Amino acid sequence: MVLSFLEKTVLFFIIMSILYNSFRIILIDRIWDKLLSLNMISSNILMIIVFFAAIKNTPMYLDVAFAYSLVGFLALALISSFILKGGRTK
């Protein structure tokens, strides 16, 4: 599988966004900004999965992307409710 220049450019910017948000998780102190960055990383990984599904013309990857998006949403909702209830401080 040989990627064109445009496809390589798209993947490069998605990976750079993942790296940027990883540094935000490490460097920022506010918990809600960390959750936002974690959600952004999840969305970027989802974009990569859908991107490869479009390149390879395989609908199986779209099923994986759908399951990944459901798991990411549920994890974010559970972590948010855990933080709103006080987290480990109770």
N, C-alpha and C. Protein backbone atom coordinates (compact mmCIF):
# COMPACT_ATOMS: atom_id res chain seq x y z
N MET A 1 0.84 -1.17 0.00
CA MET A 1 0.00 0.00 0.00
C MET A 1 0.89 1.24 0.00
N VAL A 2 0.80 2.01 -1.05
CA VAL A 2 1.58 3.24 -1.18
C VAL A 2 0.64 4.42 -0.99
N LEU A 3 0.99 5.29 -0.05
CA LEU A 3 0.17 6.46 0.23
C LEU A 3 0.60 7.63 -0.64
N SER A 4 -0.36 8.42 -1.05
CA SER A 4 -0.04 9.61 -1.83
C SER A 4 0.45 10.71 -0.89
N PHE A 5 0.90 11.81 -1.47
CA PHE A 5 1.41 12.93 -0.67
C PHE A 5 0.32 13.50 0.22
N LEU A 6 -0.88 13.62 -0.29
CA LEU A 6 -1.99 14.17 0.49
C LEU A 6 -2.34 13.25 1.67
N GLU A 7 -2.34 11.95 1.43
CA GLU A 7 -2.64 11.01 2.51
C GLU A 7 -1.57 11.04 3.60
N LYS A 8 -0.30 11.14 3.18
CA LYS A 8 0.78 11.25 4.15
C LYS A 8 0.68 12.55 4.94
N THR A 9 0.28 13.62 4.28
CA THR A 9 0.13 14.91 4.95
C THR A 9 -0.99 14.86 5.99
N VAL A 10 -2.10 14.24 5.63
CA VAL A 10 -3.22 14.11 6.57
C VAL A 10 -2.80 13.30 7.78
N LEU A 11 -2.13 12.18 7.57
CA LEU A 11 -1.67 11.36 8.69
C LEU A 11 -0.66 12.11 9.55
N PHE A 12 0.21 12.88 8.92
CA PHE A 12 1.20 13.66 9.67
C PHE A 12 0.52 14.64 10.62
N PHE A 13 -0.48 15.37 10.13
CA PHE A 13 -1.14 16.35 10.97
C PHE A 13 -1.98 15.70 12.07
N ILE A 14 -2.56 14.55 11.80
CA ILE A 14 -3.31 13.84 12.84
C ILE A 14 -2.35 13.37 13.94
N ILE A 15 -1.21 12.84 13.54
CA ILE A 15 -0.23 12.37 14.53
C ILE A 15 0.35 13.55 15.31
N MET A 16 0.57 14.68 14.66
CA MET A 16 1.05 15.86 15.37
C MET A 16 0.01 16.35 16.38
N SER A 17 -1.25 16.24 16.04
CA SER A 17 -2.31 16.62 16.98
C SER A 17 -2.33 15.67 18.18
N ILE A 18 -2.10 14.39 17.95
CA ILE A 18 -2.03 13.43 19.05
C ILE A 18 -0.86 13.77 19.98
N LEU A 19 0.29 14.08 19.40
CA LEU A 19 1.45 14.44 20.22
C LEU A 19 1.22 15.72 21.00
N TYR A 20 0.63 16.72 20.36
CA TYR A 20 0.34 17.99 21.04
C TYR A 20 -0.59 17.77 22.22
N ASN A 21 -1.63 16.98 22.03
CA ASN A 21 -2.57 16.72 23.12
C ASN A 21 -1.96 15.85 24.20
N SER A 22 -1.02 14.99 23.84
CA SER A 22 -0.32 14.21 24.86
C SER A 22 0.51 15.12 25.76
N PHE A 23 1.17 16.10 25.16
CA PHE A 23 1.93 17.06 25.97
C PHE A 23 1.00 17.91 26.82
N ARG A 24 -0.18 18.23 26.31
CA ARG A 24 -1.14 18.99 27.11
C ARG A 24 -1.59 18.19 28.32
N ILE A 25 -1.77 16.89 28.17
CA ILE A 25 -2.17 16.06 29.30
C ILE A 25 -1.08 16.08 30.38
N ILE A 26 0.17 16.04 29.95
CA ILE A 26 1.28 16.02 30.90
C ILE A 26 1.48 17.38 31.56
N LEU A 27 1.39 18.46 30.81
CA LEU A 27 1.80 19.77 31.30
C LEU A 27 0.70 20.59 31.98
N ILE A 28 -0.55 20.41 31.62
CA ILE A 28 -1.62 21.25 32.15
C ILE A 28 -2.13 20.67 33.47
N ASP A 29 -2.42 21.56 34.43
CA ASP A 29 -2.85 21.12 35.76
C ASP A 29 -4.35 20.94 35.89
N ARG A 30 -5.14 21.63 35.09
CA ARG A 30 -6.60 21.56 35.23
C ARG A 30 -7.13 20.23 34.67
N ILE A 31 -7.95 19.58 35.49
CA ILE A 31 -8.42 18.24 35.14
C ILE A 31 -9.34 18.25 33.92
N TRP A 32 -10.14 19.31 33.76
CA TRP A 32 -11.07 19.35 32.63
C TRP A 32 -10.34 19.54 31.31
N ASP A 33 -9.21 20.27 31.34
CA ASP A 33 -8.40 20.41 30.13
C ASP A 33 -7.73 19.09 29.78
N LYS A 34 -7.35 18.33 30.79
CA LYS A 34 -6.77 17.01 30.54
C LYS A 34 -7.81 16.08 29.92
N LEU A 35 -9.04 16.15 30.41
CA LEU A 35 -10.10 15.32 29.82
C LEU A 35 -10.40 15.73 28.38
N LEU A 36 -10.37 17.02 28.14
CA LEU A 36 -10.59 17.50 26.77
C LEU A 36 -9.49 16.99 25.84
N SER A 37 -8.24 17.04 26.30
CA SER A 37 -7.14 16.53 25.49
C SER A 37 -7.25 15.03 25.28
N LEU A 38 -7.67 14.30 26.30
CA LEU A 38 -7.86 12.86 26.16
C LEU A 38 -8.95 12.54 25.15
N ASN A 39 -10.03 13.32 25.17
CA ASN A 39 -11.10 13.15 24.19
C ASN A 39 -10.61 13.47 22.79
N MET A 40 -9.75 14.48 22.67
CA MET A 40 -9.19 14.84 21.36
C MET A 40 -8.30 13.73 20.82
N ILE A 41 -7.51 13.11 21.69
CA ILE A 41 -6.67 11.99 21.26
C ILE A 41 -7.55 10.83 20.79
N SER A 42 -8.61 10.57 21.52
CA SER A 42 -9.54 9.51 21.12
C SER A 42 -10.16 9.80 19.76
N SER A 43 -10.52 11.05 19.53
CA SER A 43 -11.11 11.44 18.23
C SER A 43 -10.09 11.31 17.11
N ASN A 44 -8.84 11.66 17.39
CA ASN A 44 -7.80 11.55 16.36
C ASN A 44 -7.52 10.10 16.00
N ILE A 45 -7.51 9.23 17.00
CA ILE A 45 -7.32 7.81 16.71
C ILE A 45 -8.49 7.27 15.90
N LEU A 46 -9.68 7.75 16.22
CA LEU A 46 -10.86 7.38 15.45
C LEU A 46 -10.73 7.84 14.00
N MET A 47 -10.21 9.05 13.79
CA MET A 47 -10.00 9.53 12.42
C MET A 47 -9.00 8.67 11.66
N ILE A 48 -7.95 8.22 12.35
CA ILE A 48 -6.96 7.35 11.69
C ILE A 48 -7.60 6.03 11.28
N ILE A 49 -8.43 5.45 12.14
CA ILE A 49 -9.10 4.19 11.81
C ILE A 49 -10.02 4.36 10.61
N VAL A 50 -10.80 5.44 10.60
CA VAL A 50 -11.71 5.69 9.47
C VAL A 50 -10.92 5.99 8.19
N PHE A 51 -9.81 6.70 8.34
CA PHE A 51 -8.95 7.01 7.20
C PHE A 51 -8.43 5.73 6.54
N PHE A 52 -7.96 4.78 7.36
CA PHE A 52 -7.49 3.52 6.79
C PHE A 52 -8.63 2.68 6.22
N ALA A 53 -9.82 2.82 6.80
CA ALA A 53 -10.98 2.12 6.22
C ALA A 53 -11.28 2.66 4.83
N ALA A 54 -11.15 3.97 4.65
CA ALA A 54 -11.40 4.56 3.34
C ALA A 54 -10.31 4.19 2.34
N ILE A 55 -9.07 4.14 2.80
CA ILE A 55 -7.96 3.81 1.89
C ILE A 55 -8.05 2.35 1.44
N LYS A 56 -8.28 1.45 2.39
CA LYS A 56 -8.30 0.02 2.05
C LYS A 56 -9.66 -0.45 1.54
N ASN A 57 -10.69 0.43 1.61
CA ASN A 57 -12.03 0.10 1.16
C ASN A 57 -12.56 -1.15 1.86
N THR A 58 -12.39 -1.16 3.19
CA THR A 58 -12.80 -2.30 4.01
C THR A 58 -13.78 -1.83 5.07
N PRO A 59 -15.04 -2.27 5.02
CA PRO A 59 -16.02 -1.81 6.01
C PRO A 59 -15.78 -2.38 7.41
N MET A 60 -14.95 -3.41 7.53
CA MET A 60 -14.67 -3.97 8.85
C MET A 60 -14.02 -2.93 9.76
N TYR A 61 -13.18 -2.09 9.21
CA TYR A 61 -12.53 -1.05 10.01
C TYR A 61 -13.55 -0.04 10.53
N LEU A 62 -14.61 0.18 9.79
CA LEU A 62 -15.65 1.10 10.25
C LEU A 62 -16.38 0.51 11.45
N ASP A 63 -16.55 -0.81 11.49
CA ASP A 63 -17.14 -1.45 12.66
C ASP A 63 -16.24 -1.28 13.88
N VAL A 64 -14.95 -1.42 13.68
CA VAL A 64 -13.99 -1.22 14.77
C VAL A 64 -14.03 0.24 15.23
N ALA A 65 -14.12 1.17 14.29
CA ALA A 65 -14.18 2.59 14.64
C ALA A 65 -15.45 2.91 15.42
N PHE A 66 -16.55 2.30 15.04
CA PHE A 66 -17.81 2.53 15.76
C PHE A 66 -17.71 2.02 17.20
N ALA A 67 -17.17 0.82 17.37
CA ALA A 67 -17.00 0.26 18.72
C ALA A 67 -16.03 1.11 19.54
N TYR A 68 -14.96 1.57 18.91
CA TYR A 68 -13.99 2.42 19.60
C TYR A 68 -14.61 3.74 20.03
N SER A 69 -15.45 4.31 19.20
CA SER A 69 -16.08 5.58 19.57
C SER A 69 -17.05 5.40 20.72
N LEU A 70 -17.77 4.27 20.76
CA LEU A 70 -18.68 4.00 21.88
C LEU A 70 -17.91 3.82 23.18
N VAL A 71 -16.82 3.08 23.13
CA VAL A 71 -16.01 2.88 24.33
C VAL A 71 -15.40 4.19 24.80
N GLY A 72 -14.92 5.01 23.86
CA GLY A 72 -14.34 6.30 24.23
C GLY A 72 -15.36 7.23 24.86
N PHE A 73 -16.57 7.25 24.32
CA PHE A 73 -17.62 8.10 24.89
C PHE A 73 -18.01 7.64 26.28
N LEU A 74 -18.19 6.34 26.45
CA LEU A 74 -18.56 5.82 27.77
C LEU A 74 -17.47 6.06 28.80
N ALA A 75 -16.22 5.90 28.41
CA ALA A 75 -15.12 6.15 29.33
C ALA A 75 -15.07 7.61 29.74
N LEU A 76 -15.26 8.51 28.79
CA LEU A 76 -15.25 9.94 29.11
C LEU A 76 -16.42 10.31 30.02
N ALA A 77 -17.59 9.74 29.77
CA ALA A 77 -18.75 10.02 30.62
C ALA A 77 -18.54 9.49 32.03
N LEU A 78 -17.97 8.31 32.16
CA LEU A 78 -17.73 7.74 33.49
C LEU A 78 -16.66 8.52 34.26
N ILE A 79 -15.61 8.90 33.59
CA ILE A 79 -14.56 9.68 34.25
C ILE A 79 -15.09 11.04 34.67
N SER A 80 -15.89 11.67 33.83
CA SER A 80 -16.46 12.98 34.17
C SER A 80 -17.39 12.88 35.38
N SER A 81 -18.24 11.86 35.42
CA SER A 81 -19.14 11.72 36.57
C SER A 81 -18.34 11.39 37.83
N PHE A 82 -17.27 10.64 37.71
CA PHE A 82 -16.41 10.33 38.85
C PHE A 82 -15.78 11.60 39.40
N ILE A 83 -15.32 12.48 38.53
CA ILE A 83 -14.71 13.73 38.98
C ILE A 83 -15.76 14.65 39.59
N LEU A 84 -16.94 14.73 38.97
CA LEU A 84 -17.99 15.60 39.51
C LEU A 84 -18.47 15.16 40.89
N LYS A 85 -18.43 13.87 41.17
CA LYS A 85 -18.86 13.38 42.48
C LYS A 85 -17.78 13.52 43.54
N GLY A 86 -16.63 14.03 43.20
CA GLY A 86 -15.59 14.25 44.19
C GLY A 86 -14.36 13.41 44.00
N GLY A 87 -14.42 12.45 43.12
CA GLY A 87 -13.24 11.63 42.84
C GLY A 87 -12.81 10.80 44.03
N ARG A 88 -11.53 10.76 44.29
CA ARG A 88 -10.97 9.97 45.37
C ARG A 88 -10.92 10.74 46.68
N THR A 89 -11.40 11.97 46.68
CA THR A 89 -11.30 12.77 47.90
C THR A 89 -12.32 12.40 48.94
N LYS A 90 -13.37 11.68 48.59
CA LYS A 90 -14.40 11.29 49.57
C LYS A 90 -13.98 10.10 50.37
